[in-house]
Protein backbone atom coordinates (compact mmCIF):
# COMPACT_ATOMS: atom_id res chain seq x y z
CA MET A 1 214.68 -165.01 14.43
CA LYS A 2 215.18 -164.37 10.70
CA ARG A 3 211.47 -165.08 10.13
CA MET A 4 210.48 -162.56 12.82
CA LYS A 5 212.67 -159.86 11.24
CA THR A 6 211.07 -160.55 7.86
CA MET A 7 207.56 -160.18 9.35
CA ARG A 8 208.52 -156.92 11.06
CA PHE A 9 209.88 -155.61 7.76
CA LEU A 10 206.70 -156.52 5.90
CA THR A 11 204.55 -154.92 8.60
CA THR A 12 206.57 -151.70 8.51
CA PHE A 13 206.44 -151.69 4.72
CA LEU A 14 202.66 -152.08 4.65
CA ILE A 15 202.17 -149.32 7.23
CA GLY A 16 204.38 -147.05 5.15
CA LEU A 17 202.26 -147.72 2.07
CA LEU A 18 199.08 -147.00 4.02
CA CYS A 19 200.43 -143.72 5.38
CA ALA A 20 201.47 -142.68 1.90
CA GLY A 21 197.91 -143.32 0.75
CA LEU A 22 196.54 -141.12 3.51
CA THR A 23 198.61 -138.13 2.43
CA ALA A 24 196.11 -137.31 -0.29
CA CYS A 25 193.42 -136.95 2.36
CA SER A 26 194.98 -134.30 4.54
CA ASP A 27 192.64 -131.47 5.50
CA ASP A 28 194.70 -129.03 3.41
CA SER A 29 194.14 -130.84 0.13
CA GLU A 30 191.74 -129.31 -2.40
CA ASP A 31 191.64 -132.49 -4.50
CA ILE A 32 190.16 -134.91 -1.98
CA GLN A 33 188.22 -137.69 -3.70
CA TYR A 34 187.50 -139.77 -0.61
CA GLY A 35 187.58 -139.40 3.15
CA VAL A 36 189.81 -140.91 5.77
CA LEU A 37 189.11 -140.69 9.48
CA LYS A 38 192.12 -139.28 11.32
CA ASP A 39 192.13 -137.95 14.87
CA PHE A 40 188.30 -137.86 14.80
CA LYS A 41 188.48 -135.46 11.83
CA MET A 42 187.27 -136.04 8.29
CA THR A 43 187.19 -134.05 5.08
CA VAL A 44 185.18 -135.42 2.19
CA LYS A 45 184.76 -134.31 -1.40
CA LEU A 46 181.60 -135.87 -2.78
CA GLU A 47 181.31 -136.76 -6.43
CA LYS A 48 177.54 -136.88 -6.16
CA ALA A 49 174.85 -135.97 -3.63
CA GLY A 50 173.71 -138.73 -1.32
CA SER A 51 177.03 -140.60 -1.31
CA LEU A 52 178.37 -139.47 2.09
CA PRO A 53 177.40 -142.74 3.86
CA SER A 54 179.72 -144.72 1.54
CA TYR A 55 182.77 -142.98 3.04
CA PHE A 56 182.20 -144.37 6.51
CA TYR A 57 182.93 -147.79 7.91
CA GLY A 58 181.87 -149.51 11.10
CA ASP A 59 181.45 -147.07 13.94
CA ASP A 60 183.22 -144.18 12.18
CA VAL A 61 180.04 -142.10 12.26
CA GLU A 62 179.95 -142.20 16.05
CA ARG A 63 183.59 -141.08 16.35
CA ILE A 64 183.52 -137.97 14.14
CA LYS A 65 184.13 -134.65 15.91
CA PHE A 66 185.13 -132.52 12.92
CA LEU A 67 183.57 -132.84 9.47
CA SER A 68 184.17 -130.83 6.33
CA VAL A 69 182.15 -131.62 3.21
CA ILE A 70 182.80 -130.37 -0.31
CA GLY A 71 180.28 -130.79 -3.14
CA ASP A 72 176.54 -131.36 -3.49
CA ILE A 73 174.69 -132.82 -0.48
CA ASN A 74 171.08 -133.90 -0.09
CA GLY A 75 168.77 -135.33 2.56
CA THR A 76 170.66 -138.63 2.77
CA ASP A 77 173.88 -136.80 3.63
CA ILE A 78 172.21 -134.49 6.16
CA LYS A 79 170.53 -137.47 7.80
CA LEU A 80 173.95 -139.09 8.31
CA ILE A 81 175.40 -135.86 9.73
CA ARG A 82 172.53 -135.76 12.21
CA GLU A 83 173.55 -139.27 13.34
CA MET A 84 177.07 -138.11 14.28
CA LYS A 85 176.62 -138.08 18.04
CA ILE A 86 179.77 -136.21 19.10
CA LEU A 87 180.14 -133.88 16.10
CA ASN A 88 181.19 -130.43 17.33
CA THR A 89 182.55 -128.71 14.19
CA LEU A 90 180.76 -128.75 10.84
CA ASP A 91 182.21 -126.96 7.82
CA LEU A 92 179.78 -126.86 4.89
CA SER A 93 181.14 -123.63 3.41
CA LYS A 94 182.15 -125.46 0.22
CA ALA A 95 179.09 -127.71 0.11
CA ASN A 96 175.91 -127.09 -1.85
CA ILE A 97 172.53 -128.28 -0.56
CA VAL A 98 170.31 -129.80 -3.25
CA SER A 99 166.90 -131.45 -3.22
CA GLY A 100 166.54 -135.23 -3.16
CA GLY A 101 167.58 -138.19 -1.05
CA GLU A 102 166.00 -139.39 2.18
CA ALA A 103 164.12 -137.30 4.71
CA TYR A 104 166.72 -135.80 7.04
CA TYR A 105 164.30 -135.37 9.98
CA SER A 106 160.93 -136.80 10.95
CA VAL A 107 158.36 -136.01 13.63
CA LYS A 108 155.77 -138.59 14.61
CA GLY A 109 152.24 -137.43 15.35
CA TRP A 110 149.22 -139.36 16.56
CA ASN A 111 148.34 -140.74 13.17
CA THR A 112 150.94 -139.34 10.80
CA THR A 113 154.65 -138.73 10.48
CA LYS A 114 155.89 -135.43 9.14
CA SER A 115 159.10 -135.74 7.17
CA TYR A 116 161.48 -132.95 6.22
CA ARG A 117 163.43 -133.07 2.96
CA THR A 118 166.10 -130.89 1.43
CA LYS A 119 165.45 -128.04 -0.98
CA ASP A 120 167.98 -126.38 -3.25
CA LYS A 121 170.17 -123.83 -1.46
CA VAL A 122 168.15 -123.97 1.77
CA ILE A 123 169.05 -124.84 5.36
CA GLY A 124 165.71 -126.53 5.92
CA GLU A 125 163.30 -126.51 8.83
CA ASN A 126 164.68 -128.44 11.82
CA MET A 127 167.73 -129.45 9.77
CA PHE A 128 170.20 -129.37 12.66
CA ARG A 129 167.73 -129.08 15.53
CA ASP A 130 168.85 -130.62 18.82
CA LYS A 131 172.47 -131.18 17.71
CA GLN A 132 173.45 -130.31 21.26
CA LEU A 133 177.21 -130.95 20.98
CA LEU A 134 177.63 -128.87 17.83
CA LYS A 135 179.82 -125.85 18.61
CA VAL A 136 180.95 -124.38 15.28
CA VAL A 137 179.03 -124.26 11.98
CA LYS A 138 179.98 -122.81 8.62
CA ILE A 139 176.91 -122.55 6.41
CA PRO A 140 177.27 -123.23 2.65
CA ASN A 141 178.16 -120.10 0.70
CA SER A 142 175.35 -120.85 -1.74
CA VAL A 143 172.52 -120.93 0.85
CA THR A 144 169.80 -118.31 0.37
CA SER A 145 167.47 -119.21 3.25
CA ILE A 146 167.70 -120.51 6.82
CA GLU A 147 164.27 -121.90 7.68
CA ASP A 148 162.34 -122.21 10.94
CA ALA A 149 164.11 -123.91 13.87
CA ALA A 150 167.06 -124.88 11.64
CA PHE A 151 169.53 -124.70 14.56
CA SER A 152 167.05 -124.63 17.44
CA VAL A 153 168.31 -126.11 20.72
CA CYS A 154 171.92 -126.40 19.54
CA SER A 155 172.77 -125.59 23.12
CA GLN A 156 176.59 -125.72 22.71
CA LEU A 157 176.74 -123.63 19.52
CA THR A 158 179.19 -120.77 20.03
CA SER A 159 179.95 -119.72 16.48
CA VAL A 160 177.94 -119.64 13.28
CA THR A 161 179.03 -118.10 10.00
CA ILE A 162 176.12 -116.80 7.93
CA PRO A 163 177.23 -116.14 4.34
CA ASN A 164 176.31 -113.09 2.25
CA SER A 165 174.03 -115.22 0.10
CA VAL A 166 171.39 -115.60 2.85
CA THR A 167 168.29 -113.41 2.42
CA SER A 168 166.00 -114.81 5.13
CA ILE A 169 166.36 -116.19 8.65
CA GLY A 170 163.29 -118.13 9.77
CA GLY A 171 161.32 -118.16 12.97
CA SER A 172 163.15 -119.70 15.95
CA ALA A 173 166.06 -120.43 13.61
CA PHE A 174 168.61 -120.14 16.43
CA SER A 175 166.29 -120.33 19.43
CA SER A 176 167.75 -121.77 22.65
CA CYS A 177 171.31 -121.65 21.33
CA SER A 178 172.27 -120.74 24.88
CA GLN A 179 176.06 -120.52 24.30
CA LEU A 180 175.93 -118.27 21.24
CA THR A 181 177.65 -115.03 22.27
CA SER A 182 177.48 -112.96 19.08
CA VAL A 183 176.01 -113.13 15.61
CA THR A 184 176.68 -111.09 12.50
CA ILE A 185 173.72 -110.76 10.19
CA PRO A 186 175.05 -110.07 6.67
CA ASN A 187 173.82 -107.20 4.54
CA SER A 188 172.03 -109.64 2.25
CA VAL A 189 169.37 -110.56 4.85
CA ILE A 190 165.93 -109.07 4.18
CA SER A 191 163.77 -110.81 6.78
CA ILE A 192 164.25 -112.13 10.33
CA GLY A 193 161.51 -114.40 11.65
CA GLY A 194 159.76 -114.29 15.00
CA SER A 195 161.74 -115.63 17.97
CA ALA A 196 164.71 -116.11 15.63
CA PHE A 197 167.23 -115.78 18.48
CA SER A 198 164.97 -116.35 21.48
CA GLY A 199 166.59 -117.96 24.48
CA CYS A 200 170.14 -117.15 23.33
CA SER A 201 170.99 -116.30 26.91
CA GLN A 202 174.69 -115.59 26.30
CA LEU A 203 174.12 -113.36 23.30
CA THR A 204 175.54 -109.93 24.13
CA SER A 205 175.39 -108.03 20.84
CA VAL A 206 173.39 -108.06 17.60
CA SER A 207 173.87 -105.90 14.52
CA ILE A 208 170.99 -105.44 12.10
CA PRO A 209 172.09 -104.27 8.63
CA SER A 210 170.41 -101.78 6.31
CA SER A 211 168.97 -104.56 4.13
CA VAL A 212 166.50 -105.88 6.75
CA SER A 213 162.93 -104.84 5.94
CA SER A 214 160.96 -107.35 8.02
CA ILE A 215 161.42 -108.47 11.64
CA GLY A 216 158.97 -110.90 13.23
CA SER A 217 157.65 -110.72 16.77
CA ASN A 218 159.89 -111.20 19.81
CA PRO A 219 163.13 -111.95 17.89
CA PHE A 220 165.31 -111.64 21.02
CA VAL A 221 162.97 -112.71 23.82
CA ASN A 222 164.76 -114.22 26.83
CA CYS A 223 168.17 -113.03 25.62
CA THR A 224 168.94 -112.08 29.19
CA ASN A 225 172.51 -110.84 28.57
CA LEU A 226 171.86 -108.85 25.41
CA LYS A 227 173.48 -105.45 25.95
CA GLU A 228 173.13 -103.84 22.54
CA ILE A 229 171.09 -104.02 19.38
CA LEU A 230 172.81 -101.95 16.73
CA VAL A 231 170.67 -101.03 13.72
CA SER A 232 172.42 -99.54 10.72
CA GLU A 233 171.66 -95.84 10.36
CA LYS A 234 171.01 -96.58 6.69
CA ASN A 235 168.18 -99.00 7.51
CA PRO A 236 164.95 -97.35 6.23
CA ASN A 237 162.67 -99.56 8.34
CA TYR A 238 164.07 -99.89 11.89
CA LEU A 239 166.11 -98.04 14.49
CA ASP A 240 167.52 -98.58 17.98
CA LEU A 241 166.82 -96.04 20.71
CA ASP A 242 167.99 -96.27 24.32
CA GLY A 243 167.78 -100.05 24.41
CA LEU A 244 164.57 -100.26 22.39
CA LEU A 245 164.11 -101.70 18.90
CA LEU A 246 161.43 -99.74 17.04
CA ASN A 247 160.16 -99.25 13.54
CA LYS A 248 161.50 -96.15 11.79
CA GLU A 249 158.34 -94.16 12.52
CA LYS A 250 158.69 -94.95 16.24
CA THR A 251 155.11 -96.22 16.40
CA ILE A 252 155.79 -99.93 17.02
CA LEU A 253 158.02 -101.12 19.85
CA LEU A 254 159.38 -104.55 18.92
CA THR A 255 161.68 -105.38 21.80
CA CYS A 256 163.53 -103.99 24.81
CA LEU A 257 166.97 -104.79 26.19
CA CYS A 258 166.31 -106.24 29.62
CA THR A 259 169.85 -105.39 30.76
CA LYS A 260 169.63 -101.62 30.19
CA SER A 261 167.65 -100.42 33.19
CA ASP A 262 165.14 -101.42 35.85
CA THR A 263 162.87 -98.61 34.62
CA CYS A 264 161.51 -98.36 31.09
CA PHE A 265 160.33 -95.15 29.48
CA ILE A 266 158.37 -95.85 26.32
CA PRO A 267 158.55 -92.87 23.94
CA ASP A 268 155.43 -90.80 23.26
CA GLY A 269 154.12 -91.64 19.79
CA VAL A 270 154.43 -95.41 20.17
CA ASP A 271 150.97 -96.85 19.48
CA SER A 272 151.61 -100.58 19.94
CA ILE A 273 153.86 -102.72 22.11
CA GLY A 274 154.86 -105.87 20.25
CA SER A 275 154.48 -109.49 21.22
CA SER A 276 156.86 -110.46 24.05
CA ALA A 277 158.60 -107.08 23.75
CA PHE A 278 159.51 -107.07 27.46
CA ALA A 279 158.92 -110.75 28.23
CA ARG A 280 161.15 -112.25 30.94
CA CYS A 281 162.80 -108.91 31.78
CA THR A 282 163.00 -110.02 35.39
CA GLY A 283 165.00 -106.96 36.46
CA LEU A 284 162.37 -104.54 35.20
CA THR A 285 160.56 -102.89 38.12
CA THR A 286 158.72 -99.87 36.70
CA VAL A 287 156.92 -99.28 33.39
CA THR A 288 154.95 -96.26 32.24
CA ILE A 289 152.87 -96.84 29.12
CA PRO A 290 152.14 -93.48 27.43
CA ASN A 291 148.69 -92.36 26.31
CA SER A 292 149.68 -92.80 22.66
CA VAL A 293 149.71 -96.60 23.03
CA THR A 294 146.46 -98.27 21.96
CA TYR A 295 147.46 -101.94 21.87
CA ILE A 296 149.53 -104.16 24.16
CA ASP A 297 150.24 -107.36 22.25
CA LYS A 298 150.30 -110.88 23.63
CA SER A 299 152.91 -111.76 26.25
CA ALA A 300 154.29 -108.21 26.07
CA PHE A 301 155.28 -108.15 29.77
CA SER A 302 154.87 -111.83 30.65
CA TYR A 303 157.18 -113.30 33.30
CA CYS A 304 158.47 -109.90 34.42
CA SER A 305 158.62 -111.17 37.98
CA GLY A 306 160.34 -108.03 39.32
CA LEU A 307 157.74 -105.64 37.93
CA THR A 308 156.11 -103.82 40.85
CA THR A 309 154.64 -100.74 39.19
CA VAL A 310 152.88 -100.43 35.83
CA THR A 311 150.98 -97.37 34.65
CA ILE A 312 148.70 -98.11 31.72
CA GLY A 313 147.97 -95.00 29.65
CA SER A 314 144.46 -93.75 28.92
CA GLY A 315 144.79 -94.52 25.20
CA VAL A 316 145.06 -98.30 25.57
CA THR A 317 142.01 -100.10 24.17
CA SER A 318 143.19 -103.69 24.01
CA ILE A 319 145.37 -105.88 26.24
CA GLY A 320 146.46 -109.10 24.53
CA ASP A 321 146.61 -112.71 25.68
CA TYR A 322 149.18 -113.42 28.43
CA ALA A 323 150.19 -109.74 28.37
CA PHE A 324 151.15 -109.57 32.07
CA MET A 325 151.07 -113.25 32.97
CA GLU A 326 153.20 -114.20 35.99
CA CYS A 327 154.17 -110.65 36.90
CA SER A 328 154.29 -111.85 40.47
CA GLY A 329 155.63 -108.56 41.89
CA LEU A 330 152.58 -106.51 40.92
CA THR A 331 150.40 -105.63 43.91
CA THR A 332 148.07 -102.99 42.47
CA LEU A 333 146.55 -102.83 39.00
CA VAL A 334 144.46 -100.07 37.42
CA ILE A 335 142.92 -100.83 34.04
CA PRO A 336 141.81 -97.49 32.53
CA ASN A 337 138.33 -96.77 31.15
CA SER A 338 139.69 -96.79 27.60
CA VAL A 339 140.31 -100.55 27.65
CA THR A 340 137.51 -102.51 25.97
CA SER A 341 139.04 -105.98 25.68
CA ILE A 342 141.35 -108.10 27.82
CA GLY A 343 142.76 -111.30 26.33
CA ASP A 344 143.01 -114.84 27.67
CA TYR A 345 145.26 -115.28 30.73
CA ALA A 346 146.27 -111.61 30.55
CA PHE A 347 147.02 -111.36 34.30
CA MET A 348 147.12 -115.05 35.17
CA LYS A 349 149.38 -116.00 38.10
CA CYS A 350 150.04 -112.42 39.15
CA SER A 351 150.28 -113.93 42.59
CA GLY A 352 151.11 -110.65 44.38
CA LEU A 353 148.03 -108.76 43.20
CA THR A 354 145.85 -107.55 46.07
CA THR A 355 143.85 -104.72 44.50
CA VAL A 356 142.42 -104.55 40.96
CA THR A 357 140.50 -101.70 39.34
CA ILE A 358 138.60 -102.57 36.15
CA GLY A 359 137.64 -99.59 33.98
CA SER A 360 134.13 -98.92 32.74
CA GLY A 361 135.03 -99.69 29.12
CA VAL A 362 135.51 -103.42 29.68
CA THR A 363 132.32 -105.23 28.59
CA TYR A 364 133.53 -108.83 28.55
CA PHE A 365 136.40 -111.03 29.68
CA ASP A 366 138.29 -113.73 27.87
CA ASP A 367 139.20 -116.94 29.71
CA ASP A 368 141.23 -117.03 32.93
CA VAL A 369 142.08 -113.32 32.87
CA PHE A 370 142.78 -113.26 36.63
CA SER A 371 143.16 -117.00 37.17
CA ASN A 372 145.39 -118.00 40.10
CA CYS A 373 145.64 -114.45 41.42
CA SER A 374 144.82 -115.90 44.81
CA GLU A 375 145.83 -112.85 46.87
CA ILE A 376 143.27 -110.45 45.37
CA LYS A 377 141.38 -108.86 48.25
CA GLU A 378 139.59 -106.01 46.44
CA ILE A 379 138.08 -105.66 42.97
CA HIS A 380 136.82 -102.20 41.95
CA ASN A 381 134.60 -102.70 38.91
CA LYS A 382 133.67 -99.37 37.29
CA ASN A 383 131.12 -100.75 34.81
CA ALA A 384 127.52 -100.45 35.99
CA ILE A 385 126.58 -103.35 33.73
CA PRO A 386 128.12 -106.68 34.84
CA GLN A 387 130.59 -107.96 32.27
CA ILE A 388 130.11 -111.29 30.62
CA SER A 389 132.80 -113.73 29.57
CA HIS A 390 133.95 -114.11 25.99
CA SER A 391 133.40 -117.84 26.47
CA VAL A 392 129.94 -119.40 26.19
CA SER A 393 129.27 -119.42 29.92
CA PHE A 394 130.71 -117.07 32.51
CA ASN A 395 130.37 -118.63 35.94
CA GLY A 396 133.07 -116.64 37.66
CA VAL A 397 135.23 -119.72 38.14
CA SER A 398 137.31 -119.33 34.99
CA VAL A 399 137.93 -115.56 34.98
CA PHE A 400 138.70 -115.35 38.71
CA ARG A 401 139.84 -118.91 39.29
CA ALA A 402 141.43 -119.35 42.76
CA VAL A 403 140.26 -115.94 44.00
CA ASP A 404 138.53 -116.45 47.34
CA LYS A 405 135.04 -115.12 46.70
CA THR A 406 134.06 -115.47 50.34
CA THR A 407 136.59 -112.87 51.51
CA CYS A 408 137.36 -110.76 48.41
CA ILE A 409 135.32 -107.53 48.35
CA LEU A 410 133.72 -106.63 45.01
CA TYR A 411 133.10 -102.88 44.72
CA VAL A 412 130.55 -101.86 42.07
CA PRO A 413 129.05 -98.52 40.93
CA LYS A 414 126.16 -96.94 42.82
CA GLY A 415 122.84 -98.52 41.90
CA SER A 416 124.32 -101.68 40.35
CA TYR A 417 124.33 -103.96 43.40
CA SER A 418 121.17 -105.73 42.31
CA SER A 419 122.53 -106.41 38.81
CA TYR A 420 125.77 -107.90 40.12
CA SER A 421 124.14 -109.94 42.87
CA ARG A 422 121.92 -111.64 40.28
CA SER A 423 124.50 -111.99 37.50
CA GLY A 424 125.99 -115.41 36.92
CA GLY A 425 129.53 -115.53 38.23
CA TRP A 426 129.51 -112.13 39.92
CA SER A 427 126.88 -113.40 42.33
CA ASP A 428 129.50 -115.85 43.67
CA PHE A 429 131.16 -112.92 45.44
CA GLN A 430 129.71 -112.81 48.93
CA ASN A 431 130.82 -109.25 49.68
CA ILE A 432 129.45 -106.81 47.08
CA ILE A 433 129.57 -103.14 48.05
CA GLU A 434 128.46 -100.10 46.07
CA GLU A 435 130.81 -97.10 45.77
CA ASP A 436 130.92 -93.78 43.95
């Protein structure tokens, strides 16, 4: 009995000593020299970059939910953070990213492996990509750049703190962060890359400060709940107008808020509609493109499945690749005489199309322009000279793939029947009729 009491005393004494040792590692301490795992939380002050792995034992890495790091960190440290499977909160506000250490991320190709390594003061490309349980991130206060896809597919990310030191946000930097509800872009940011916040389906509001001078294409594509884009009145380069993001001169339309209305009125004076500007606006039903517009960029209206009416102005000369792809609600399409080029897959899978009018200005087609538009019953071609394909051989299969050429009626200008009936591809249509 006496021996048992002695053992209990020694055990209690040792536990007391251990607990006393842990006191120096509480999250509130500013003088942490080492880390101790407690309640799945850990705060570490590194004496040198690359030493984070030495603070973990056994399966500690797999049990961390909250991590705060103080001091210099390099690729070796980031690589370890990426291995923390259930990490949901990452505080790097007092850390400093430096070059060196191992590659933090690698992508295997057919014959090569591309490795990504840290650079001074940079959240590197793909650095935290696919960290799907990460919910809260505080970026180091010293970071100047967030590179491409840095937080892409962090599907549980709800909060990110971007410090005032950041000057650039890369392409797809926060793409598919589907739980991100708001983001504040600090007044230090000069450039925002293409698709930077694409697929952030819960994002409701974005503020763009006066410092931003460059915005890439489709920065907010597929942000289906975005209700406002607020551009600082002091910004000399961009402005917001009735749910549209435009350049200051109102000549380039960059993006549209899909949640604003089912009808879009593009202001007179706009001369180009940007890449994916209206993409995936499934509630959009009616669009009128004014005569001032000359160029519709790639994917501008792609996947607008609710779009039933589109009026293309007489100033448009070029329609880009995928511009109206999968606009399945469209039934009638009139391409004006001003259009001279139509890009690859421009109207592909517009499965509701029944009648198409092709203006006289079109002299050639790129690949699969009307591919899989299987319901087309009438084509009114206004060019007396049969168009050729941009590809080497135009056999009618690629451009009008899946259109039934035995039943579809091809209307051509008076006197051009012979040319069409002998032209490769067009001759596949069995019903060619001349019209005025």
